[in-house]
């Protein structure tokens, strides 16, 4: 039984480390792409325009339609589609 507990703890630590790494990398990707956001809960929840985004899991939800997606790159594509073409 002790061996199973150790395996479970190791898996839990790995998941937590993965979520922390995802949080940092997703937030950095948004910054590098010039996406403005409001950070809530010490960066665990970001508000980007009409979307709620959780960078640790990659989940994003449109605030009005509840349309869901996953992944920071999919969020970037979705934001790009939502923006009207801007000619400069």
Protein backbone atom coordinates (compact mmCIF):
# COMPACT_ATOMS: atom_id res chain seq x y z
CA UNK A 1 0.00 0.00 0.00
CA UNK A 2 2.85 2.40 0.73
CA UNK A 3 4.26 1.96 -2.78
CA UNK A 4 0.88 2.90 -4.29
CA UNK A 5 0.77 6.02 -2.12
CA UNK A 6 4.22 7.05 -3.29
CA UNK A 7 3.22 6.56 -6.94
CA UNK A 8 0.05 8.58 -6.43
CA UNK A 9 1.97 11.41 -4.72
CA UNK A 10 4.56 11.44 -7.50
CA UNK A 11 1.82 11.64 -10.12
CA UNK A 12 0.10 14.47 -8.25
CA UNK A 13 3.37 16.41 -7.97
CA UNK A 14 3.98 15.90 -11.68
CA UNK A 15 0.51 17.24 -12.58
CA UNK A 16 1.01 20.29 -10.36
CA UNK A 17 4.41 21.00 -11.91
CA UNK A 18 2.92 20.63 -15.40
CA UNK A 19 0.11 23.10 -14.58
CA UNK A 20 2.64 25.61 -13.19
CA UNK A 21 4.76 25.29 -16.35
CA UNK A 22 1.67 25.65 -18.57
CA UNK A 23 0.61 28.74 -16.65
CA UNK A 24 3.98 30.43 -17.11
CA UNK A 25 4.43 29.50 -20.77
CA UNK A 26 0.85 30.37 -21.82
CA UNK A 27 1.04 33.75 -20.12
CA UNK A 28 4.40 34.46 -21.79
CA UNK A 29 3.01 33.48 -25.22
CA UNK A 30 0.15 35.94 -24.76
CA UNK A 31 2.59 38.70 -23.76
CA UNK A 32 4.87 38.02 -26.73
CA UNK A 33 1.87 38.23 -29.08
CA UNK A 34 0.82 41.58 -27.60
CA UNK A 35 -2.45 40.27 -26.17
CA UNK A 36 -3.76 42.47 -23.38
CA UNK A 37 -5.34 40.69 -20.44
CA UNK A 38 -6.49 41.23 -16.89
CA UNK A 39 -4.99 38.81 -14.39
CA UNK A 40 -7.12 37.39 -11.58
CA UNK A 41 -6.25 34.94 -8.78
CA UNK A 42 -2.51 35.59 -9.06
CA UNK A 43 -2.51 34.71 -12.76
CA UNK A 44 -4.59 31.53 -12.50
CA UNK A 45 -7.46 33.18 -14.40
CA UNK A 46 -7.04 35.70 -17.22
CA UNK A 47 -9.70 37.83 -18.85
CA UNK A 48 -8.95 38.53 -22.50
CA UNK A 49 -11.64 40.62 -24.16
CA UNK A 50 -14.78 38.47 -24.18
CA UNK A 51 -12.95 35.33 -23.02
CA UNK A 52 -12.08 33.78 -19.69
CA UNK A 53 -8.81 31.85 -19.93
CA UNK A 54 -7.18 29.48 -17.47
CA UNK A 55 -3.54 29.18 -18.60
CA UNK A 56 -2.72 26.20 -16.41
CA UNK A 57 -5.21 23.97 -18.23
CA UNK A 58 -5.58 25.93 -21.46
CA UNK A 59 -9.36 26.17 -21.12
CA UNK A 60 -11.00 29.27 -22.56
CA UNK A 61 -14.69 30.16 -22.50
CA UNK A 62 -16.50 32.97 -24.31
CA UNK A 63 -18.19 35.04 -21.62
CA UNK A 64 -21.51 35.47 -23.46
CA UNK A 65 -21.97 32.34 -25.58
CA UNK A 66 -20.14 29.85 -23.30
CA UNK A 67 -18.31 28.50 -26.38
CA UNK A 68 -15.31 26.55 -25.14
CA UNK A 69 -11.90 25.70 -26.44
CA UNK A 70 -8.51 24.50 -25.27
CA UNK A 71 -4.99 25.67 -25.81
CA UNK A 72 -3.31 29.04 -25.95
CA UNK A 73 -2.66 28.74 -29.70
CA UNK A 74 -6.32 27.93 -30.36
CA UNK A 75 -7.22 30.96 -28.26
CA UNK A 76 -4.90 33.13 -30.37
CA UNK A 77 -6.56 31.84 -33.56
CA UNK A 78 -9.99 32.50 -32.11
CA UNK A 79 -9.04 36.03 -31.07
CA UNK A 80 -7.65 36.68 -34.54
CA UNK A 81 -10.93 35.52 -36.13
CA UNK A 82 -12.91 37.76 -33.77
CA UNK A 83 -10.91 40.87 -34.71
CA UNK A 84 -12.01 42.79 -37.78
CA UNK A 85 -9.33 43.27 -40.42
CA UNK A 86 -7.27 46.36 -39.70
CA UNK A 87 -5.52 48.03 -42.62
CA UNK A 88 -2.67 50.31 -41.64
